Protein backbone atom coordinates (compact mmCIF):
# COMPACT_ATOMS: atom_id res chain seq x y z
CA MET A 1 90.87 79.94 143.69
CA GLU A 2 93.66 77.56 144.77
CA LYS A 3 92.31 74.84 142.44
CA LEU A 4 92.21 77.35 139.58
CA ILE A 5 95.84 78.32 140.21
CA VAL A 6 96.87 74.66 140.23
CA LEU A 7 95.00 74.03 136.98
CA LEU A 8 96.58 77.06 135.32
CA ALA A 9 100.03 76.00 136.50
CA GLY A 10 99.44 72.54 135.06
CA CYS A 11 98.38 73.98 131.72
CA LEU A 12 101.44 76.22 131.60
CA LEU A 13 103.77 73.30 132.34
CA ALA A 14 102.09 71.15 129.70
CA GLY A 15 102.34 73.95 127.15
CA SER A 16 106.00 74.46 127.99
CA ALA A 17 106.71 70.73 127.60
CA ILE A 18 105.01 70.68 124.21
CA ALA A 19 106.98 73.74 123.09
CA ASN A 20 110.22 72.14 124.29
CA GLU A 21 109.42 68.92 122.48
CA ALA A 22 108.75 70.75 119.23
CA LEU A 23 112.01 72.69 119.50
CA ILE A 24 114.02 69.61 120.44
CA ARG A 25 112.54 67.62 117.57
CA GLN A 26 113.28 70.42 115.11
CA VAL A 27 116.91 70.82 116.20
CA LEU A 28 117.87 67.20 116.80
CA GLN A 29 116.17 65.56 113.85
CA GLY A 30 118.98 66.72 111.59
CA LYS A 31 121.70 65.71 114.06
CA LEU A 32 120.96 61.98 114.28
CA GLY A 33 122.23 60.80 110.93
CA GLY A 34 118.78 60.45 109.43
CA ALA A 35 117.42 58.31 112.28
CA ARG A 36 113.76 58.90 113.09
CA ILE A 37 112.89 60.35 116.50
CA GLU A 38 110.27 58.12 118.09
CA GLY A 39 109.65 60.01 121.29
CA ILE A 40 110.70 62.89 123.53
CA GLN A 41 109.94 63.11 127.23
CA ALA A 42 111.25 64.46 130.49
CA GLY A 43 114.29 62.52 131.62
CA PRO A 44 116.59 62.38 134.63
CA ALA A 45 118.60 65.31 136.00
CA GLY A 46 116.27 67.90 134.45
CA LEU A 47 117.12 66.75 130.93
CA PHE A 48 114.92 65.57 128.10
CA GLU A 49 115.16 62.00 126.85
CA VAL A 50 115.18 61.68 123.06
CA ARG A 51 114.37 58.19 121.79
CA PHE A 52 115.24 57.21 118.22
CA ARG A 53 115.76 54.10 116.16
CA THR A 54 118.80 53.04 114.14
CA ASP A 55 119.66 49.87 112.25
CA GLU A 56 121.00 48.58 115.57
CA GLY A 57 117.75 49.20 117.44
CA VAL A 58 116.40 51.79 119.88
CA ARG A 59 118.84 54.40 121.16
CA ILE A 60 118.61 57.27 123.67
CA VAL A 61 120.35 60.62 123.91
CA TYR A 62 119.66 63.51 126.27
CA THR A 63 119.38 67.23 125.72
CA ASP A 64 118.49 70.42 127.57
CA ALA A 65 115.21 72.31 127.16
CA LYS A 66 116.62 74.51 124.40
CA ALA A 67 118.37 71.67 122.56
CA GLN A 68 121.71 73.46 122.83
CA ASN A 69 123.59 70.36 123.97
CA ILE A 70 123.31 66.69 123.11
CA ILE A 71 124.50 64.27 125.79
CA VAL A 72 125.44 60.79 124.60
CA GLY A 73 126.02 58.02 127.12
CA ASN A 74 124.63 56.54 130.32
CA ILE A 75 123.29 58.41 133.32
CA TYR A 76 124.00 56.80 136.67
CA ASP A 77 122.21 57.38 139.97
CA THR A 78 125.07 57.37 142.48
CA LYS A 79 122.81 57.00 145.52
CA SER A 80 121.14 53.82 144.31
CA ASP A 81 124.08 52.72 142.11
CA ARG A 82 121.72 52.30 139.15
CA ASN A 83 122.34 52.80 135.47
CA ILE A 84 119.21 54.80 134.62
CA THR A 85 119.81 54.71 130.86
CA GLU A 86 120.34 50.95 130.78
CA GLU A 87 117.18 50.35 132.80
CA ARG A 88 115.19 52.55 130.44
CA LEU A 89 116.52 50.77 127.34
CA ARG A 90 115.68 47.39 128.85
CA LYS A 91 112.07 48.48 129.19
CA LEU A 92 111.92 50.07 125.74
CA THR A 93 113.22 46.94 124.04
CA ALA A 94 111.28 44.42 126.13
CA ILE A 95 109.28 41.68 124.45
CA SER A 96 106.79 39.11 125.64
CA PHE A 97 108.90 36.22 126.93
CA GLU A 98 106.04 33.88 126.05
CA SER A 99 106.43 34.88 122.39
CA LEU A 100 109.90 33.33 122.18
CA PRO A 101 109.87 30.06 120.20
CA LEU A 102 111.38 28.09 123.06
CA GLU A 103 111.02 24.84 121.13
CA GLN A 104 113.88 26.16 118.94
CA ALA A 105 116.22 26.49 121.92
CA VAL A 106 118.48 24.06 123.74
CA LYS A 107 116.95 23.76 127.22
CA VAL A 108 119.40 23.29 130.09
CA VAL A 109 117.99 22.85 133.60
CA ASN A 110 120.10 23.08 136.75
CA GLY A 111 118.67 22.40 140.21
CA SER A 112 115.13 23.67 140.72
CA GLY A 113 115.25 25.65 137.47
CA LYS A 114 113.43 28.59 139.06
CA ARG A 115 115.68 31.27 137.50
CA VAL A 116 114.74 31.45 133.82
CA LEU A 117 116.83 33.04 131.09
CA ALA A 118 116.91 32.91 127.29
CA VAL A 119 120.28 33.48 125.64
CA PHE A 120 121.15 34.14 122.01
CA SER A 121 124.65 32.71 121.93
CA ASP A 122 127.40 32.24 119.38
CA PRO A 123 129.85 29.42 120.20
CA TYR A 124 132.72 31.45 118.76
CA CYS A 125 131.92 34.68 120.58
CA PRO A 126 134.59 35.40 123.24
CA ALA A 127 132.10 37.27 125.43
CA CYS A 128 129.72 34.30 125.22
CA LYS A 129 132.40 31.89 126.35
CA GLN A 130 133.30 34.17 129.25
CA PHE A 131 129.63 34.43 130.22
CA GLU A 132 129.38 30.65 130.13
CA ASN A 133 131.80 30.57 133.06
CA THR A 134 129.27 32.66 134.99
CA LEU A 135 126.29 30.56 133.94
CA ALA A 136 128.12 27.41 135.02
CA GLN A 137 128.29 28.85 138.56
CA MET A 138 124.64 29.91 138.70
CA ASP A 139 122.33 27.65 140.68
CA ASP A 140 118.69 26.73 140.03
CA THR A 141 118.47 27.85 136.42
CA THR A 142 116.48 27.04 133.32
CA LEU A 143 118.49 28.26 130.35
CA TYR A 144 117.09 28.43 126.84
CA TYR A 145 119.96 28.69 124.35
CA PHE A 146 119.10 30.03 120.92
CA MET A 147 121.99 29.05 118.67
CA PHE A 148 123.09 32.21 116.86
CA PRO A 149 126.33 31.28 115.04
CA VAL A 150 127.04 34.41 112.99
CA ILE A 151 130.66 35.24 113.83
CA ARG A 152 132.13 32.30 111.93
CA PRO A 153 129.41 31.27 109.48
CA GLU A 154 131.73 28.72 107.89
CA LEU A 155 131.42 26.74 111.15
CA ILE A 156 127.62 26.81 111.33
CA ASP A 157 127.53 23.04 110.79
CA GLN A 158 129.04 22.59 114.26
CA SER A 159 125.99 24.20 115.83
CA ILE A 160 123.70 22.15 113.62
CA SER A 161 125.56 18.98 114.65
CA ALA A 162 125.17 19.91 118.32
CA TRP A 163 121.42 20.19 117.82
CA CYS A 164 121.32 16.87 115.98
CA ALA A 165 123.47 15.06 118.58
CA GLN A 166 121.92 12.30 120.65
CA ASP A 167 122.84 14.26 123.81
CA ARG A 168 121.98 17.75 122.59
CA VAL A 169 122.60 19.53 125.90
CA ASN A 170 126.12 18.25 126.46
CA ALA A 171 127.01 18.60 122.79
CA TRP A 172 126.01 22.28 122.89
CA LEU A 173 127.74 22.97 126.23
CA ASP A 174 130.93 21.30 125.00
CA LEU A 175 130.86 23.52 121.94
CA ALA A 176 129.86 26.74 123.71
CA ARG A 177 132.03 26.40 126.81
CA ARG A 178 135.05 24.45 125.57
CA HIS A 179 134.99 24.84 121.76
CA VAL A 180 134.86 21.05 121.43
CA PRO A 181 132.90 20.42 118.21
CA PRO A 182 130.45 17.52 118.14
CA ALA A 183 130.64 14.65 115.71
CA ALA A 184 129.44 15.78 112.31
CA ASN A 185 125.70 15.19 112.03
CA THR A 186 123.65 17.69 110.06
CA GLY A 187 120.92 15.43 108.78
CA CYS A 188 118.19 16.25 111.30
CA ASP A 189 115.49 18.92 111.23
CA HIS A 190 117.15 21.82 113.06
CA PRO A 191 116.23 25.44 113.92
CA VAL A 192 119.65 27.11 113.52
CA HIS A 193 118.84 29.13 110.40
CA LYS A 194 115.43 30.02 111.86
CA ASN A 195 117.12 31.24 115.05
CA ILE A 196 119.44 33.52 113.11
CA ALA A 197 116.54 35.04 111.17
CA TYR A 198 114.42 35.34 114.29
CA GLY A 199 117.19 36.98 116.30
CA GLN A 200 117.79 39.48 113.54
CA SER A 201 114.07 40.29 113.47
CA LEU A 202 114.33 41.11 117.19
CA GLY A 203 117.31 43.37 116.58
CA VAL A 204 119.83 40.99 118.15
CA ASN A 205 123.13 42.39 116.90
CA ALA A 206 125.51 41.29 119.64
CA THR A 207 126.12 38.13 121.60
CA PRO A 208 125.32 37.13 124.17
CA THR A 209 121.90 38.80 124.16
CA LEU A 210 119.85 37.93 127.22
CA PHE A 211 116.07 37.88 127.60
CA PHE A 212 114.73 37.77 131.14
CA VAL A 213 111.41 36.21 132.07
CA ASN A 214 109.80 39.68 132.31
CA GLY A 215 110.76 40.27 128.66
CA GLU A 216 113.57 42.74 129.31
CA ARG A 217 116.75 42.28 127.35
CA MET A 218 120.43 43.01 127.75
CA SER A 219 123.40 42.68 125.43
CA GLY A 220 126.57 41.31 126.96
CA GLY A 221 127.36 39.11 129.92
CA LEU A 222 126.94 39.91 133.60
CA PRO A 223 128.92 39.09 136.74
CA LEU A 224 127.46 36.36 138.91
CA ALA A 225 125.98 38.47 141.72
CA ARG A 226 124.30 40.90 139.36
CA LEU A 227 122.95 38.12 137.15
CA ARG A 228 121.41 36.37 140.14
CA ALA A 229 119.84 39.63 141.35
CA MET A 230 118.42 40.47 137.92
CA LEU A 231 117.00 36.98 137.44
CA ASP A 232 115.32 37.12 140.85
CA ASP A 233 114.01 40.65 140.23
CA ALA A 234 112.59 39.63 136.85
CA ALA A 235 110.82 36.63 138.40
CA ALA A 236 109.42 38.81 141.19
CA SER A 237 108.09 41.39 138.72
CA VAL A 238 106.30 38.66 136.74
CA SER A 239 104.70 37.21 139.87
CA LYS A 240 103.21 40.63 140.67
CA ARG A 241 101.39 40.94 137.34
């Protein structure tokens, strides 16, 4: 009898969830500016997570069971000091790190190189330059820089010249960290245009965009302590696979 009650309760909950999903989809589909709802599921704090896609990539909003309120923004867990929404988006937008065309990136190794990060970076992005100050302080890193010069396209030749320079690493770091352009040299076979097209295919629409070794991504820079923790966590999660 107890097993039967448990089974019935499970069926009722599943039926309720399906009914809620149908109602939420019906109400919210017309409220998202034409964006297509890709998924609805139970979320934090008794809310429902509504996942949809825009031209800028995957987005999340939250709603109640009757779809009477739409909540836009991040949900934080104050006990663990975690941004639940950000964590969820990182997983939803994750890729296979091994799929990145690393041969098209400037590889910079510091120390043991055990902390691995790929960065889509624009040398004339203020946030990128600020993040470079953090990266310069990080120890034991392997950084793969994908040149993504879209802010000032008239200066794209500077990125190309950095790639073509005899000392590619220092030429790129001088440009990215100090805005010191390399000597003009655009005659080599370079991946800059390929990187821009590839980044756009991944939905990279802000710089810096970071890809961790577990495939999770973030847009924007990070403070040093958090960057170190996230790099170590990503490496640990890969080692457990």
